[in-house]
């Protein structure tokens, strides 16, 4: 089965994150973050931030995954 040609899809440029520069940037940021975390591990582990981090991550993910409080209840209630 062949897909129908879509002229608007063909003219769209490729995503930056899938380009060579985007992949290099992700790798560089990951390596830099790991090195920074390794060098400052005593500051991170010795502070009280590690206790609050899971709670802050849960609240942040809930906010961004649902798009605020308007993301609930958009289905049909029958």
N, C-alpha and C. Protein backbone atom coordinates (compact mmCIF):
# COMPACT_ATOMS: atom_id res chain seq x y z
N UNK A 1 0.85 -1.17 0.00
CA UNK A 1 0.00 0.00 0.00
C UNK A 1 0.89 1.23 0.00
N UNK A 2 0.68 2.13 -0.92
CA UNK A 2 1.50 3.34 -1.01
C UNK A 2 0.76 4.50 -0.37
N UNK A 3 1.54 5.41 0.12
CA UNK A 3 0.97 6.59 0.74
C UNK A 3 0.70 7.65 -0.33
N UNK A 4 -0.38 8.37 -0.20
CA UNK A 4 -0.60 9.47 -1.15
C UNK A 4 0.41 10.58 -0.91
N UNK A 5 0.81 11.21 -1.98
CA UNK A 5 1.80 12.29 -1.83
C UNK A 5 1.13 13.51 -1.22
N UNK A 6 1.84 14.12 -0.32
CA UNK A 6 1.36 15.31 0.36
C UNK A 6 2.35 16.43 0.09
N UNK A 7 1.99 17.42 -0.72
CA UNK A 7 2.95 18.46 -1.08
C UNK A 7 3.39 19.32 0.10
N UNK A 8 2.53 19.52 1.09
CA UNK A 8 2.93 20.35 2.23
C UNK A 8 3.92 19.61 3.12
N UNK A 9 3.83 18.28 3.17
CA UNK A 9 4.77 17.49 3.97
C UNK A 9 6.15 17.47 3.33
N UNK A 10 6.22 17.46 2.02
CA UNK A 10 7.50 17.39 1.33
C UNK A 10 8.28 18.70 1.45
N UNK A 11 7.59 19.83 1.58
CA UNK A 11 8.28 21.11 1.61
C UNK A 11 8.72 21.51 3.02
N UNK A 12 8.32 20.75 4.03
CA UNK A 12 8.69 21.08 5.41
C UNK A 12 10.15 20.69 5.65
N UNK A 13 10.95 21.61 6.21
CA UNK A 13 12.35 21.28 6.48
C UNK A 13 12.45 20.27 7.62
N UNK A 14 13.53 19.48 7.66
CA UNK A 14 13.69 18.50 8.73
C UNK A 14 13.87 19.19 10.08
N UNK A 15 13.52 18.49 11.13
CA UNK A 15 13.62 19.03 12.49
C UNK A 15 15.08 19.25 12.86
N UNK A 16 15.33 20.30 13.65
CA UNK A 16 16.70 20.58 14.09
C UNK A 16 17.23 19.45 14.95
N UNK A 17 16.38 18.88 15.80
CA UNK A 17 16.83 17.85 16.73
C UNK A 17 17.18 16.55 16.03
N UNK A 18 16.77 16.37 14.79
CA UNK A 18 17.13 15.17 14.02
C UNK A 18 18.29 15.43 13.07
N UNK A 19 18.76 16.66 13.03
CA UNK A 19 19.89 16.98 12.17
C UNK A 19 21.20 16.62 12.88
N UNK A 20 22.29 16.67 12.14
CA UNK A 20 23.60 16.34 12.71
C UNK A 20 23.97 17.32 13.83
N UNK A 21 23.70 18.61 13.62
CA UNK A 21 24.02 19.61 14.65
C UNK A 21 23.17 19.39 15.90
N UNK A 22 21.91 19.02 15.75
CA UNK A 22 21.05 18.78 16.89
C UNK A 22 21.49 17.58 17.71
N UNK A 23 21.91 16.52 17.02
CA UNK A 23 22.39 15.32 17.72
C UNK A 23 23.69 15.63 18.46
N UNK A 24 24.60 16.38 17.81
CA UNK A 24 25.84 16.77 18.48
C UNK A 24 25.56 17.64 19.70
N UNK A 25 24.58 18.53 19.58
CA UNK A 25 24.24 19.39 20.71
C UNK A 25 23.68 18.57 21.87
N UNK A 26 22.82 17.60 21.60
CA UNK A 26 22.28 16.75 22.67
C UNK A 26 23.37 15.95 23.35
N UNK A 27 24.30 15.41 22.57
CA UNK A 27 25.40 14.63 23.15
C UNK A 27 26.29 15.53 24.00
N UNK A 28 26.61 16.72 23.49
CA UNK A 28 27.47 17.64 24.24
C UNK A 28 26.81 18.09 25.54
N UNK A 29 25.51 18.38 25.50
CA UNK A 29 24.80 18.78 26.71
C UNK A 29 24.72 17.64 27.72
N UNK A 30 24.53 16.42 27.23
CA UNK A 30 24.47 15.27 28.13
C UNK A 30 25.82 15.03 28.79
N UNK A 31 26.88 15.03 28.00
CA UNK A 31 28.22 14.83 28.56
C UNK A 31 28.58 15.95 29.52
N UNK A 32 28.27 17.19 29.15
CA UNK A 32 28.55 18.32 30.04
C UNK A 32 27.77 18.23 31.34
N UNK A 33 26.50 17.83 31.27
CA UNK A 33 25.70 17.67 32.48
C UNK A 33 26.23 16.57 33.38
N UNK A 34 26.65 15.46 32.77
CA UNK A 34 27.21 14.37 33.57
C UNK A 34 28.52 14.78 34.25
N UNK A 35 29.39 15.47 33.52
CA UNK A 35 30.64 15.93 34.12
C UNK A 35 30.40 16.96 35.22
N UNK A 36 29.46 17.87 34.99
CA UNK A 36 29.13 18.86 36.00
C UNK A 36 28.55 18.21 37.25
N UNK A 37 27.67 17.23 37.06
CA UNK A 37 27.11 16.52 38.20
C UNK A 37 28.15 15.71 38.94
N UNK A 38 29.08 15.12 38.21
CA UNK A 38 30.14 14.35 38.85
C UNK A 38 31.06 15.24 39.68
N UNK A 39 31.42 16.39 39.13
CA UNK A 39 32.33 17.29 39.83
C UNK A 39 31.69 17.92 41.06
N UNK A 40 30.38 18.10 41.06
CA UNK A 40 29.70 18.76 42.16
C UNK A 40 28.81 17.79 42.94
N UNK A 41 29.14 16.51 42.92
CA UNK A 41 28.29 15.51 43.57
C UNK A 41 28.21 15.70 45.08
N UNK A 42 29.27 16.17 45.70
CA UNK A 42 29.23 16.37 47.15
C UNK A 42 28.29 17.52 47.52
N UNK A 43 28.24 18.55 46.69
CA UNK A 43 27.32 19.65 46.96
C UNK A 43 25.87 19.20 46.77
N UNK A 44 25.65 18.39 45.75
CA UNK A 44 24.29 17.92 45.47
C UNK A 44 23.80 16.94 46.52
N UNK A 45 24.66 16.01 46.92
CA UNK A 45 24.25 15.00 47.90
C UNK A 45 24.20 15.54 49.31
N UNK A 46 24.99 16.58 49.62
CA UNK A 46 25.02 17.12 50.95
C UNK A 46 23.93 18.13 51.24
N UNK A 47 23.28 18.62 50.19
CA UNK A 47 22.25 19.63 50.41
C UNK A 47 20.89 18.96 50.62
N UNK A 48 19.92 19.71 51.05
CA UNK A 48 18.57 19.20 51.26
C UNK A 48 17.76 19.16 49.98
N UNK A 49 18.34 19.57 48.86
CA UNK A 49 17.61 19.59 47.60
C UNK A 49 17.22 18.19 47.14
N UNK A 50 18.05 17.22 47.45
CA UNK A 50 17.79 15.86 47.01
C UNK A 50 16.50 15.30 47.61
N UNK A 51 16.13 15.79 48.78
CA UNK A 51 14.90 15.34 49.43
C UNK A 51 13.68 15.89 48.71
N UNK A 52 13.75 17.15 48.25
CA UNK A 52 12.61 17.82 47.63
C UNK A 52 12.52 17.57 46.13
N UNK A 53 13.56 17.07 45.52
CA UNK A 53 13.58 16.90 44.07
C UNK A 53 12.48 15.99 43.53
N UNK A 54 12.20 14.81 44.10
CA UNK A 54 11.10 13.99 43.56
C UNK A 54 9.74 14.68 43.63
N UNK A 55 9.48 15.40 44.69
CA UNK A 55 8.21 16.12 44.80
C UNK A 55 8.11 17.21 43.75
N UNK A 56 9.17 17.97 43.56
CA UNK A 56 9.16 19.02 42.55
C UNK A 56 9.04 18.45 41.15
N UNK A 57 9.65 17.31 40.90
CA UNK A 57 9.53 16.68 39.58
C UNK A 57 8.10 16.23 39.31
N UNK A 58 7.44 15.68 40.32
CA UNK A 58 6.06 15.22 40.13
C UNK A 58 5.13 16.39 39.83
N UNK A 59 5.28 17.47 40.56
CA UNK A 59 4.44 18.64 40.32
C UNK A 59 4.74 19.25 38.95
N UNK A 60 6.00 19.34 38.61
CA UNK A 60 6.37 19.89 37.30
C UNK A 60 5.88 19.04 36.14
N UNK A 61 5.99 17.72 36.27
CA UNK A 61 5.51 16.86 35.20
C UNK A 61 4.00 16.94 35.08
N UNK A 62 3.29 17.01 36.19
CA UNK A 62 1.83 17.11 36.13
C UNK A 62 1.43 18.41 35.44
N UNK A 63 2.10 19.50 35.77
CA UNK A 63 1.77 20.78 35.17
C UNK A 63 2.04 20.78 33.66
N UNK A 64 3.19 20.29 33.25
CA UNK A 64 3.53 20.34 31.83
C UNK A 64 2.85 19.26 31.01
N UNK A 65 2.57 18.12 31.58
CA UNK A 65 1.92 17.04 30.82
C UNK A 65 0.45 17.35 30.56
N UNK A 66 -0.21 18.02 31.50
CA UNK A 66 -1.62 18.34 31.32
C UNK A 66 -1.83 19.74 30.77
N UNK A 67 -0.83 20.52 30.67
CA UNK A 67 -0.98 21.88 30.17
C UNK A 67 -1.69 22.79 31.16
N UNK A 68 -1.45 22.64 32.42
CA UNK A 68 -2.12 23.43 33.44
C UNK A 68 -3.39 22.73 33.90
N UNK A 69 -4.30 23.48 34.47
CA UNK A 69 -5.52 22.88 34.99
C UNK A 69 -6.60 22.75 33.93
N UNK A 70 -6.38 23.23 32.72
CA UNK A 70 -7.38 23.10 31.67
C UNK A 70 -7.33 21.78 30.93
N UNK A 71 -6.42 20.88 31.29
CA UNK A 71 -6.25 19.64 30.56
C UNK A 71 -7.17 18.52 30.98
N UNK A 72 -7.92 18.65 32.05
CA UNK A 72 -8.77 17.59 32.54
C UNK A 72 -10.20 17.77 32.04
N UNK A 73 -10.90 16.67 31.88
CA UNK A 73 -12.34 16.70 31.64
C UNK A 73 -12.76 17.17 30.27
N UNK A 74 -12.00 16.87 29.23
CA UNK A 74 -12.38 17.31 27.89
C UNK A 74 -13.12 16.22 27.11
N UNK A 75 -13.33 15.07 27.71
CA UNK A 75 -14.01 13.98 27.02
C UNK A 75 -15.52 14.14 27.11
N UNK A 76 -16.24 13.31 26.35
CA UNK A 76 -17.71 13.32 26.41
C UNK A 76 -18.17 12.54 27.62
N UNK A 77 -19.01 13.16 28.42
CA UNK A 77 -19.62 12.50 29.55
C UNK A 77 -21.03 12.09 29.18
N UNK A 78 -21.28 10.76 29.12
CA UNK A 78 -22.61 10.28 28.73
C UNK A 78 -23.24 9.53 29.84
